[in-house]
Each structure stands twice: as C-alpha cells, then as structure tokens.
Protein backbone atom coordinates (compact mmCIF):
# COMPACT_ATOMS: atom_id res chain seq x y z
CA UNK A 1 0.00 0.00 0.01
CA UNK A 2 2.86 2.37 0.88
CA UNK A 3 4.62 1.69 -2.48
CA UNK A 4 1.37 2.13 -4.44
CA UNK A 5 0.63 5.43 -2.74
CA UNK A 6 4.10 6.56 -3.67
CA UNK A 7 3.71 5.85 -7.35
CA UNK A 8 5.19 2.36 -7.55
CA UNK A 9 3.64 0.59 -10.52
CA UNK A 10 5.38 -2.82 -10.36
CA UNK A 11 7.15 -5.20 -7.95
CA UNK A 12 8.93 -8.25 -9.27
CA UNK A 13 9.14 -10.99 -6.67
CA UNK A 14 11.91 -13.60 -6.67
CA UNK A 15 9.56 -16.25 -5.26
CA UNK A 16 11.83 -19.03 -6.71
CA UNK A 17 9.38 -21.93 -6.53
CA UNK A 18 5.85 -23.01 -5.83
CA UNK A 19 7.15 -25.79 -3.64
CA UNK A 20 7.41 -25.42 0.06
CA UNK A 21 9.87 -28.28 0.03
CA UNK A 22 12.27 -26.28 -2.18
CA UNK A 23 11.79 -23.07 -0.26
CA UNK A 24 12.78 -24.98 2.90
CA UNK A 25 15.73 -26.47 1.10
CA UNK A 26 16.84 -22.97 0.16
CA UNK A 27 16.50 -21.85 3.72
CA UNK A 28 13.99 -19.12 2.76
CA UNK A 29 12.31 -17.25 5.54
CA UNK A 30 8.99 -17.09 3.71
CA UNK A 31 6.42 -19.67 2.86
CA UNK A 32 4.19 -20.36 -0.18
CA UNK A 33 1.41 -18.79 1.86
CA UNK A 34 3.46 -15.57 2.32
CA UNK A 35 4.05 -15.55 -1.47
CA UNK A 36 0.28 -15.80 -2.26
CA UNK A 37 -0.52 -13.09 0.36
CA UNK A 38 2.01 -10.67 -1.21
CA UNK A 39 0.77 -11.40 -4.74
CA UNK A 40 -2.88 -11.11 -3.67
CA UNK A 41 -2.05 -7.73 -2.15
CA UNK A 42 -0.49 -6.57 -5.36
CA UNK A 43 -3.40 -7.76 -7.38
CA UNK A 44 -5.89 -5.99 -5.09
CA UNK A 45 -3.91 -2.70 -5.33
CA UNK A 46 -3.27 -3.11 -9.05
CA UNK A 47 0.49 -3.25 -8.69
CA UNK A 48 1.97 -5.26 -11.60
CA UNK A 49 3.85 -8.20 -10.13
CA UNK A 50 5.66 -10.47 -12.61
CA UNK A 51 7.18 -13.63 -11.07
CA UNK A 52 10.76 -14.82 -11.04
CA UNK A 53 11.03 -18.60 -10.52
CA UNK A 54 13.89 -21.13 -10.55
CA UNK A 55 14.34 -24.78 -11.24
CA UNK A 56 17.13 -27.23 -10.59
CA UNK A 57 17.95 -26.78 -6.89
CA UNK A 58 19.05 -29.79 -5.03
CA UNK A 59 15.86 -31.72 -4.12
CA UNK A 60 14.00 -30.60 -7.28
CA UNK A 61 11.84 -33.39 -8.70
CA UNK A 62 9.01 -33.73 -11.17
CA UNK A 63 6.62 -33.18 -8.17
CA UNK A 64 8.25 -29.87 -7.06
CA UNK A 65 8.37 -28.66 -10.62
CA UNK A 66 4.54 -29.45 -10.91
CA UNK A 67 3.95 -27.45 -7.74
CA UNK A 68 5.67 -24.51 -9.35
CA UNK A 69 3.39 -24.94 -12.42
CA UNK A 70 0.36 -25.09 -10.18
CA UNK A 71 1.32 -21.77 -8.51
CA UNK A 72 1.64 -20.11 -11.95
CA UNK A 73 -1.68 -21.60 -13.12
CA UNK A 74 -3.44 -20.39 -10.02
CA UNK A 75 -1.96 -16.86 -10.37
CA UNK A 76 -2.96 -16.79 -13.99
CA UNK A 77 -6.55 -17.79 -13.04
CA UNK A 78 -6.76 -14.92 -10.59
CA UNK A 79 -5.58 -12.57 -13.43
CA UNK A 80 -8.20 -13.98 -15.80
CA UNK A 81 -5.47 -14.75 -18.42
CA UNK A 82 -3.61 -17.84 -19.68
CA UNK A 83 -0.18 -18.41 -18.10
CA UNK A 84 1.39 -17.61 -21.38
CA UNK A 85 -0.13 -14.14 -21.14
CA UNK A 86 1.00 -13.24 -17.61
CA UNK A 87 4.59 -12.27 -17.06
CA UNK A 88 6.91 -14.71 -15.34
CA UNK A 89 10.52 -15.74 -15.70
CA UNK A 90 11.58 -19.35 -15.32
CA UNK A 91 15.38 -19.73 -14.77
CA UNK A 92 17.72 -22.62 -13.81
CA UNK A 93 19.72 -22.35 -10.60
CA UNK A 94 23.34 -21.30 -10.99
CA UNK A 95 25.86 -21.54 -8.11
CA UNK A 96 27.84 -18.37 -7.38
CA UNK A 97 30.80 -18.19 -5.01
CA UNK A 98 29.76 -17.42 -1.42
CA UNK A 99 26.32 -19.01 -1.74
CA UNK A 100 25.15 -22.21 -0.03
CA UNK A 101 24.55 -23.68 -3.42
CA UNK A 102 28.20 -23.17 -4.41
CA UNK A 103 29.34 -24.71 -1.19
CA UNK A 104 26.99 -27.65 -1.86
CA UNK A 105 28.50 -27.98 -5.36
CA UNK A 106 31.99 -28.25 -3.84
CA UNK A 107 30.93 -30.76 -1.18
CA UNK A 108 29.33 -33.03 -3.84
CA UNK A 109 32.27 -32.70 -6.07
CA UNK A 110 30.40 -31.00 -8.93
CA UNK A 111 32.47 -27.84 -8.41
CA UNK A 112 36.09 -28.52 -7.67
CA UNK A 113 37.89 -27.35 -4.52
CA UNK A 114 41.37 -26.67 -5.91
CA UNK A 115 42.21 -23.17 -7.21
CA UNK A 116 42.44 -24.59 -10.80
CA UNK A 117 39.17 -26.43 -10.55
CA UNK A 118 37.38 -23.41 -9.14
CA UNK A 119 38.89 -21.16 -11.83
CA UNK A 120 37.71 -23.50 -14.51
CA UNK A 121 34.18 -23.59 -13.10
CA UNK A 122 34.12 -19.80 -12.77
CA UNK A 123 35.34 -19.43 -16.41
CA UNK A 124 32.56 -21.75 -17.57
CA UNK A 125 29.78 -19.76 -15.75
CA UNK A 126 31.17 -16.23 -16.05
CA UNK A 127 29.58 -15.57 -19.41
CA UNK A 128 26.63 -17.90 -19.04
CA UNK A 129 22.99 -17.23 -18.46
CA UNK A 130 20.42 -18.75 -16.13
CA UNK A 131 18.77 -20.78 -18.77
CA UNK A 132 18.90 -24.57 -18.94
CA UNK A 133 21.54 -24.77 -21.69
CA UNK A 134 24.00 -23.33 -19.03
CA UNK A 135 22.75 -25.45 -16.10
CA UNK A 136 25.41 -27.26 -14.06
CA UNK A 137 23.48 -30.22 -12.60
CA UNK A 138 23.83 -29.81 -8.81
CA UNK A 139 20.61 -31.68 -8.37
CA UNK A 140 21.76 -35.18 -9.29
CA UNK A 141 18.63 -35.95 -11.28
CA UNK A 142 18.98 -37.53 -14.73
CA UNK A 143 19.63 -34.93 -17.40
CA UNK A 144 16.40 -35.92 -19.30
CA UNK A 145 14.42 -35.00 -16.25
CA UNK A 146 16.19 -31.72 -15.72
CA UNK A 147 15.67 -30.71 -19.39
CA UNK A 148 11.99 -31.51 -19.13
CA UNK A 149 11.25 -29.54 -15.93
CA UNK A 150 10.57 -26.18 -17.53
CA UNK A 151 8.20 -27.79 -19.95
CA UNK A 152 6.57 -29.61 -17.08
CA UNK A 153 6.01 -26.29 -15.27
CA UNK A 154 4.46 -24.76 -18.36
CA UNK A 155 2.20 -27.68 -19.00
CA UNK A 156 1.08 -27.86 -15.38
CA UNK A 157 0.47 -24.12 -15.31
CA UNK A 158 -1.74 -24.40 -18.30
CA UNK A 159 -3.60 -27.45 -16.99
CA UNK A 160 -4.25 -25.74 -13.70
CA UNK A 161 -5.46 -22.55 -15.44
CA UNK A 162 -7.78 -24.67 -17.77
CA UNK A 163 -9.29 -26.51 -14.78
CA UNK A 164 -9.86 -23.37 -12.77
CA UNK A 165 -10.72 -20.71 -15.41
CA UNK A 166 -14.52 -21.41 -15.15
CA UNK A 167 -14.32 -20.15 -11.58
CA UNK A 168 -12.36 -17.00 -12.39
CA UNK A 169 -13.92 -13.57 -13.14
CA UNK A 170 -12.65 -12.69 -16.70
CA UNK A 171 -10.18 -9.88 -16.92
CA UNK A 172 -9.82 -9.42 -13.16
CA UNK A 173 -6.52 -7.59 -13.73
CA UNK A 174 -4.64 -5.69 -16.47
CA UNK A 175 -1.51 -7.74 -15.89
CA UNK A 176 -1.92 -9.65 -19.16
CA UNK A 177 -2.26 -6.49 -21.15
CA UNK A 178 0.83 -5.04 -19.48
CA UNK A 179 2.77 -8.23 -20.16
CA UNK A 180 1.68 -8.25 -23.79
CA UNK A 181 2.87 -4.62 -24.27
CA UNK A 182 6.25 -5.37 -22.66
CA UNK A 183 6.72 -8.45 -24.97
CA UNK A 184 5.82 -6.41 -28.05
CA UNK A 185 8.20 -3.64 -27.02
CA UNK A 186 10.97 -6.29 -26.53
CA UNK A 187 10.23 -7.70 -30.02
CA UNK A 188 10.32 -4.22 -31.55
CA UNK A 189 13.62 -3.42 -29.95
CA UNK A 190 15.11 -6.82 -30.73
CA UNK A 191 13.28 -8.82 -33.40
CA UNK A 192 15.44 -11.85 -32.46
CA UNK A 193 14.51 -11.78 -28.76
CA UNK A 194 12.81 -15.26 -29.10
CA UNK A 195 15.99 -16.98 -30.35
CA UNK A 196 17.44 -17.43 -26.94
CA UNK A 197 14.58 -19.78 -26.11
CA UNK A 198 14.73 -21.72 -29.39
CA UNK A 199 18.52 -22.14 -29.55
CA UNK A 200 18.61 -25.16 -27.28
C-alpha cells in the first residue's frame, strides 16, 4: 500500500518456486502462503507483479516442478489470463561463490575445490545465463528429467489454469495486457529476442 501510494507501479518477486519443500531446502524465511499473500495484495492494489522462478535446486523433482506450475496456473486464473499471457521468468539455478549452493557443489564434487578447478568452473559460468543450456547439474537428477522440468512447469500451469478458469472472473486484472505490451516492445527493440529460447 505504501509503495502504491508513492507511485510504484510494479514489484517483481523472486519467489523462486511454488514448492514449500524447495523453499525450505533454500532456507527461505517465507512460505508459499506468504508468497500468495504478497501477490494477492499486489493484485488487489493493481500493482503489476511479474514472477521470477527457478528450477534445478538440490531436491527438485517432477513433483516440485509441478507445484511451481500449479502456482503459476493459480496466479494466471486470478488474473483472468492464460499463463502464457501473464509475465513470469523461469530460470535454472546457478551456483555463485559465497552461496550455499556453491558450497554444496563443492561438497558433492560437482564444483572442484582446488584453485584450478574453481577457476575453470568460474570461467565456464562467467559468461553464461540462467537458462537450462548453461545449467550445471547440482541436483543429481537424470539430465532428461532436468531438461523437461521447464516444460513440465508450463504444462502444469496451463492445465491448472484450464481447470480453474471457469471459476475466475474474466479480466480481473490488467497484468496480461501489460505483459503483452512489454513483450511487443521487446520484439520491436530486438526482433530476435525469441531466439534465446529456441537455440537449445
């Protein structure tokens, strides 16, 4: 309410996941209930709130990926728009020095502990992105599962939305329209913006 009263028009939340199991694994101090409360408040006050989500943490499974998809589908239902039409980013976890994920990578041997091994890892990730083509598998799951998780999230989000849309009030927010304008502007500024997703 304070931000809205002081001309804030958008808040992007790094909610990471729709799975309480993964939030606990990440030592987050918030719960999925806190996430929904914050997003509900933004919706009520008409503050645009795109989501930032992540896959591939240790403990990630098909089930936790589905839970993330369910969260996206539920949020889309509340906005009265298909998940493809609301704004969210779905990244893959990357371990940076000084983070618990980096230390975990060293403990499991995925990231080396010698200076040369660390240097090689840092060179490998220094110019990489947070998309699955750059993912270093700290999870231990089979690569075929890891590669499928973002699709599983999208499919589950769509399924959840389709199941619940009959209960939604159509057009209950303008988030889908804002998201559409942002995507059109991105395409206008960079006609090849979609290539990063199709280059895998």
